[in-house]
Amino acid sequence: MQSIEAVAPPGSPEREILDQIDPHRLPHHVAVIMDGNGRWAQIRHLPRVEGHRAGIRAVQTTVEMVARLGIPWVTLYAFSTENWKRPRAEVATLMTLLRDYIDRELERFVANNLRLRTIGRLERLNAPVRRRIEAAVAATAGCTGTTVQIALSYSGRQELTDLVRHAVEAGARGLLRADEVDEAWIGAHLQTASSPDPDLLVRTSGEQRISNFLLWQIAYAEIYFTPVLWPDFSNLELLQAILEFQRRERRFGGLGHQSERAGDPDGGPRAPRA
């Protein structure tokens, strides 16, 4: 894999932003809602499949840049449960592109110490694609670099519904008490139990919604919306998102430094003294 200097050479716009980023304050986990493939193709009077192919190239670019930066986790929202409602031909094309991506990138994942994981209901995928994914996950299980987590046939609401059902069933069998169910228990029983919650959520294409993605996990994530369509999402865009992340003050429900310095117990505007 190329060094960071290869994609952010001196004098480039990427380098200008990179020089402003504190390497000690990078997000630990970046989640991405990859949106805009269809519109990208429509603008160019191309079939939607060409937008999806261009989107795969953006996936490659983003994964490589995240790894170069040393960010430990990236989660990509590749296919939602709602996406099954799309025309059958489009779904079949997406599955083919996914299979081809796995086949093409697996060797590079292993060579660059990248680990592949998935979340979602993979049982809904066709058997050949599912086997490819499972084999790639197994082949990279020992890698210790960036983990690339792909959400496939995924729904945040379905994940939480499954969790509630599991808790009710366990309670009915006497295996779980109500007082054992707390935030830690829930986090440990989500599909993302082995990953940290995202620090930064990026959504492309100008839409400003989270679309049923990681509903529990992004409770305290910084959200970055960009009008850029996913196929045009570049290293420059990713660096801009990270710089914006570092410029924000993350309070996690507590007081910000400015409020503390001002002596404001509530973190809000101070009332004038009488």
Protein backbone atom coordinates (compact mmCIF):
# COMPACT_ATOMS: atom_id res chain seq x y z
CA MET A 1 0.00 0.00 0.00
CA GLN A 2 1.28 3.47 -0.84
CA SER A 3 2.42 5.80 1.92
CA ILE A 4 0.33 8.78 2.98
CA GLU A 5 2.75 11.08 1.13
CA ALA A 6 1.90 9.35 -2.14
CA VAL A 7 -1.72 10.50 -1.96
CA ALA A 8 -1.04 13.81 -0.25
CA PRO A 9 2.14 15.16 -1.87
CA PRO A 10 3.52 18.54 -0.79
CA GLY A 11 1.62 21.41 -2.39
CA SER A 12 -1.54 19.38 -3.03
CA PRO A 13 -4.97 20.27 -1.58
CA GLU A 14 -4.87 16.95 0.29
CA ARG A 15 -1.55 17.85 1.90
CA GLU A 16 -2.84 21.27 2.89
CA ILE A 17 -5.65 19.67 4.89
CA LEU A 18 -3.51 16.79 6.15
CA ASP A 19 -1.06 19.27 7.66
CA GLN A 20 -3.92 20.73 9.72
CA ILE A 21 -4.98 17.34 11.11
CA ASP A 22 -3.66 16.26 14.50
CA PRO A 23 -2.49 12.64 14.03
CA HIS A 24 -3.06 12.01 17.76
CA ARG A 25 -6.76 12.95 17.59
CA LEU A 26 -7.96 10.85 14.69
CA PRO A 27 -11.35 9.16 15.00
CA HIS A 28 -11.07 5.57 16.16
CA HIS A 29 -14.00 4.43 14.05
CA VAL A 30 -15.42 6.07 10.91
CA ALA A 31 -18.82 4.93 9.63
CA VAL A 32 -19.97 5.85 6.13
CA ILE A 33 -23.41 5.94 4.53
CA MET A 34 -22.43 5.63 0.88
CA ASP A 35 -25.20 7.41 -1.04
CA GLY A 36 -25.57 8.86 -4.51
CA ASN A 37 -24.53 6.14 -6.97
CA GLY A 38 -27.80 6.30 -8.87
CA ARG A 39 -27.84 10.08 -9.10
CA TRP A 40 -24.20 10.09 -10.20
CA ALA A 41 -25.13 7.81 -13.11
CA GLN A 42 -28.30 9.74 -13.93
CA ILE A 43 -26.42 13.04 -14.19
CA ARG A 44 -24.12 11.40 -16.73
CA HIS A 45 -26.97 9.69 -18.61
CA LEU A 46 -25.57 6.29 -17.70
CA PRO A 47 -27.27 3.13 -16.43
CA ARG A 48 -27.49 2.91 -12.64
CA VAL A 49 -25.07 -0.02 -12.68
CA GLU A 50 -22.32 2.35 -13.80
CA GLY A 51 -22.93 4.42 -10.71
CA HIS A 52 -22.52 1.33 -8.55
CA ARG A 53 -19.29 0.42 -10.35
CA ALA A 54 -17.96 3.92 -9.76
CA GLY A 55 -19.02 3.57 -6.13
CA ILE A 56 -16.83 0.48 -5.77
CA ARG A 57 -13.83 2.57 -6.81
CA ALA A 58 -14.71 5.08 -4.08
CA VAL A 59 -14.81 2.21 -1.58
CA GLN A 60 -11.29 1.19 -2.58
CA THR A 61 -10.01 4.76 -2.27
CA THR A 62 -11.64 5.32 1.12
CA VAL A 63 -10.49 2.01 2.63
CA GLU A 64 -6.93 2.64 1.51
CA MET A 65 -6.88 6.18 2.90
CA VAL A 66 -8.34 5.11 6.24
CA ALA A 67 -5.67 2.42 6.49
CA ARG A 68 -2.88 4.84 5.57
CA LEU A 69 -4.02 7.20 8.30
CA GLY A 70 -3.97 4.37 10.81
CA ILE A 71 -7.67 4.60 11.73
CA PRO A 72 -8.50 1.24 13.34
CA TRP A 73 -12.12 0.81 12.17
CA VAL A 74 -14.26 1.78 9.20
CA THR A 75 -17.85 0.59 8.68
CA LEU A 76 -19.43 0.94 5.24
CA TYR A 77 -23.20 0.82 4.74
CA ALA A 78 -23.24 -1.21 1.54
CA PHE A 79 -26.73 -2.72 1.39
CA SER A 80 -29.71 -2.17 3.67
CA THR A 81 -32.68 -4.44 4.26
CA GLU A 82 -34.74 -1.80 2.45
CA ASN A 83 -32.53 -2.22 -0.63
CA TRP A 84 -34.11 -5.63 -1.23
CA LYS A 85 -37.13 -3.68 -2.53
CA ARG A 86 -35.14 -2.49 -5.54
CA PRO A 87 -35.66 -4.10 -8.96
CA ARG A 88 -34.40 -7.68 -9.03
CA ALA A 89 -31.92 -6.94 -11.82
CA GLU A 90 -30.33 -4.11 -9.84
CA VAL A 91 -30.05 -6.26 -6.71
CA ALA A 92 -28.43 -9.04 -8.75
CA THR A 93 -25.94 -6.53 -10.17
CA LEU A 94 -25.07 -5.26 -6.70
CA MET A 95 -24.45 -8.80 -5.51
CA THR A 96 -22.19 -9.47 -8.50
CA LEU A 97 -20.24 -6.28 -7.85
CA LEU A 98 -19.88 -7.26 -4.20
CA ARG A 99 -18.60 -10.71 -5.13
CA ASP A 100 -16.14 -9.25 -7.63
CA TYR A 101 -14.92 -6.73 -5.07
CA ILE A 102 -14.23 -9.48 -2.54
CA ASP A 103 -12.44 -11.61 -5.12
CA ARG A 104 -10.33 -8.72 -6.34
CA GLU A 105 -9.46 -7.16 -2.99
CA LEU A 106 -8.91 -10.19 -0.77
CA GLU A 107 -5.25 -10.61 -1.66
CA ARG A 108 -4.63 -6.91 -1.07
CA PHE A 109 -6.43 -7.06 2.28
CA VAL A 110 -4.17 -9.86 3.45
CA ALA A 111 -1.02 -8.23 2.04
CA ASN A 112 -1.82 -4.96 3.85
CA ASN A 113 -2.97 -6.55 7.12
CA LEU A 114 -6.60 -5.43 6.74
CA ARG A 115 -9.35 -7.41 8.43
CA LEU A 116 -12.80 -7.87 6.90
CA ARG A 117 -15.94 -8.21 9.00
CA THR A 118 -19.65 -8.03 8.19
CA ILE A 119 -22.83 -7.18 10.02
CA GLY A 120 -26.38 -7.76 8.84
CA ARG A 121 -28.53 -10.68 7.79
CA LEU A 122 -26.15 -12.47 5.46
CA GLU A 123 -28.51 -15.44 5.25
CA ARG A 124 -30.55 -13.41 2.77
CA LEU A 125 -27.64 -13.21 0.33
CA ASN A 126 -27.38 -15.83 -2.37
CA ALA A 127 -25.19 -18.79 -1.44
CA PRO A 128 -22.21 -18.10 -3.76
CA VAL A 129 -21.85 -14.50 -2.53
CA ARG A 130 -22.28 -15.54 1.09
CA ARG A 131 -19.61 -18.22 0.77
CA ARG A 132 -17.18 -15.72 -0.79
CA ILE A 133 -17.75 -13.29 2.06
CA GLU A 134 -17.41 -15.93 4.77
CA ALA A 135 -14.18 -17.19 3.21
CA ALA A 136 -12.76 -13.66 3.04
CA VAL A 137 -13.70 -12.98 6.67
CA ALA A 138 -11.94 -16.20 7.70
CA ALA A 139 -8.88 -15.45 5.55
CA THR A 140 -8.37 -12.03 7.16
CA ALA A 141 -9.32 -12.99 10.73
CA GLY A 142 -5.69 -12.89 11.84
CA CYS A 143 -4.97 -9.45 10.38
CA THR A 144 -4.29 -6.76 12.94
CA GLY A 145 -4.51 -3.54 10.93
CA THR A 146 -7.62 -1.56 10.04
CA THR A 147 -10.87 -3.51 10.29
CA VAL A 148 -13.20 -2.95 7.35
CA GLN A 149 -16.72 -3.74 8.52
CA ILE A 150 -19.34 -3.98 5.78
CA ALA A 151 -23.04 -3.69 6.61
CA LEU A 152 -24.94 -6.01 4.28
CA SER A 153 -28.67 -6.64 4.40
CA TYR A 154 -28.49 -4.53 7.53
CA SER A 155 -31.17 -2.63 9.47
CA GLY A 156 -30.60 -0.78 12.71
CA ARG A 157 -34.22 -1.26 13.77
CA GLN A 158 -34.09 -4.96 12.95
CA GLU A 159 -30.91 -5.31 14.97
CA LEU A 160 -32.61 -3.76 18.00
CA THR A 161 -35.79 -5.78 17.45
CA ASP A 162 -33.76 -8.99 17.38
CA LEU A 163 -32.03 -7.94 20.59
CA VAL A 164 -35.33 -7.28 22.39
CA ARG A 165 -36.69 -10.62 21.21
CA HIS A 166 -33.55 -12.34 22.49
CA ALA A 167 -33.87 -10.65 25.87
CA VAL A 168 -37.55 -11.58 26.22
CA GLU A 169 -36.87 -15.20 25.30
CA ALA A 170 -33.90 -15.42 27.68
CA GLY A 171 -36.01 -13.91 30.45
CA ALA A 172 -38.81 -16.39 29.84
CA ARG A 173 -36.33 -19.25 30.26
CA GLY A 174 -34.97 -17.77 33.46
CA LEU A 175 -31.60 -16.99 31.88
CA LEU A 176 -31.83 -13.20 32.14
CA ARG A 177 -33.11 -10.88 34.87
CA ALA A 178 -34.54 -7.45 34.10
CA ASP A 179 -31.90 -5.76 36.25
CA GLU A 180 -29.15 -7.33 34.13
CA VAL A 181 -30.28 -5.42 31.04
CA ASP A 182 -28.32 -2.18 30.94
CA GLU A 183 -26.38 -0.27 28.29
CA ALA A 184 -23.35 -2.52 28.68
CA TRP A 185 -25.48 -5.65 28.20
CA ILE A 186 -27.12 -4.21 25.11
CA GLY A 187 -23.79 -3.18 23.60
CA ALA A 188 -22.37 -6.64 24.23
CA HIS A 189 -25.26 -8.32 22.41
CA LEU A 190 -25.38 -6.16 19.28
CA GLN A 191 -23.85 -7.38 16.03
CA THR A 192 -21.14 -4.76 16.54
CA ALA A 193 -20.21 -6.06 20.00
CA SER A 194 -16.55 -6.46 19.07
CA SER A 195 -16.19 -2.99 17.58
CA PRO A 196 -16.06 0.44 19.25
CA ASP A 197 -18.92 2.83 18.57
CA PRO A 198 -18.26 5.18 15.64
CA ASP A 199 -16.74 8.55 16.47
CA LEU A 200 -17.51 9.99 13.05
CA LEU A 201 -20.43 9.26 10.71
CA VAL A 202 -20.12 10.50 7.14
CA ARG A 203 -23.07 10.67 4.76
CA THR A 204 -22.64 11.60 1.13
CA SER A 205 -25.02 12.98 -1.55
CA GLY A 206 -26.50 15.87 0.42
CA GLU A 207 -29.13 13.84 2.25
CA GLN A 208 -29.27 14.63 5.96
CA ARG A 209 -30.61 11.51 7.61
CA ILE A 210 -29.14 8.34 9.08
CA SER A 211 -31.34 5.86 7.18
CA ASN A 212 -31.67 3.13 9.79
CA PHE A 213 -27.91 2.75 10.21
CA LEU A 214 -26.26 1.85 13.54
CA LEU A 215 -29.08 3.50 15.49
CA TRP A 216 -27.71 2.57 18.93
CA GLN A 217 -24.03 2.85 18.07
CA ILE A 218 -23.99 6.42 16.71
CA ALA A 219 -25.57 7.99 19.79
CA TYR A 220 -22.51 10.21 20.33
CA ALA A 221 -20.97 10.19 16.87
CA GLU A 222 -20.15 13.44 15.14
CA ILE A 223 -22.17 13.54 11.90
CA TYR A 224 -20.68 15.01 8.75
CA PHE A 225 -22.94 15.58 5.75
CA THR A 226 -21.46 16.34 2.36
CA PRO A 227 -23.22 17.11 -0.94
CA VAL A 228 -20.64 15.05 -2.82
CA LEU A 229 -22.12 11.94 -4.46
CA TRP A 230 -20.47 8.74 -3.29
CA PRO A 231 -18.61 7.90 -6.55
CA ASP A 232 -16.94 11.34 -6.30
CA PHE A 233 -15.96 10.92 -2.65
CA SER A 234 -12.19 11.35 -2.63
CA ASN A 235 -9.26 11.43 -0.25
CA LEU A 236 -9.74 15.18 -0.09
CA GLU A 237 -13.34 14.75 1.06
CA LEU A 238 -12.35 12.22 3.72
CA LEU A 239 -9.61 14.47 5.07
CA GLN A 240 -12.04 17.40 5.20
CA ALA A 241 -14.47 15.28 7.21
CA ILE A 242 -11.72 14.33 9.68
CA LEU A 243 -10.57 17.93 10.02
CA GLU A 244 -14.14 19.01 10.75
CA PHE A 245 -14.38 16.20 13.31
CA GLN A 246 -11.31 17.54 15.11
CA ARG A 247 -12.67 21.08 15.11
CA ARG A 248 -15.77 20.06 17.05
CA GLU A 249 -15.93 19.93 20.83
CA ARG A 250 -17.17 16.52 21.96
CA ARG A 251 -18.95 16.87 25.30
CA PHE A 252 -20.84 13.53 25.56
CA GLY A 253 -23.60 15.27 27.49
CA GLY A 254 -21.18 17.06 29.82
CA LEU A 255 -19.88 20.61 29.89
CA GLY A 256 -17.70 22.03 27.21
CA HIS A 257 -14.43 23.73 28.06
CA GLN A 258 -15.83 27.15 27.20
CA SER A 259 -18.79 26.67 29.55
CA GLU A 260 -16.50 25.44 32.32
CA ARG A 261 -14.22 28.43 31.91
CA ALA A 262 -17.22 30.77 32.02
CA GLY A 263 -18.47 29.15 35.22
CA ASP A 264 -21.78 28.16 33.60
CA PRO A 265 -23.23 25.15 35.48
CA ASP A 266 -25.68 24.29 32.70
CA GLY A 267 -23.56 24.75 29.63
CA GLY A 268 -26.03 27.29 28.27
CA PRO A 269 -26.19 31.12 28.13
CA ARG A 270 -25.55 32.77 31.48
CA ALA A 271 -28.29 34.94 32.95
CA PRO A 272 -27.29 38.55 33.65
CA ARG A 273 -26.40 39.38 37.24
CA ALA A 274 -28.89 41.43 39.19
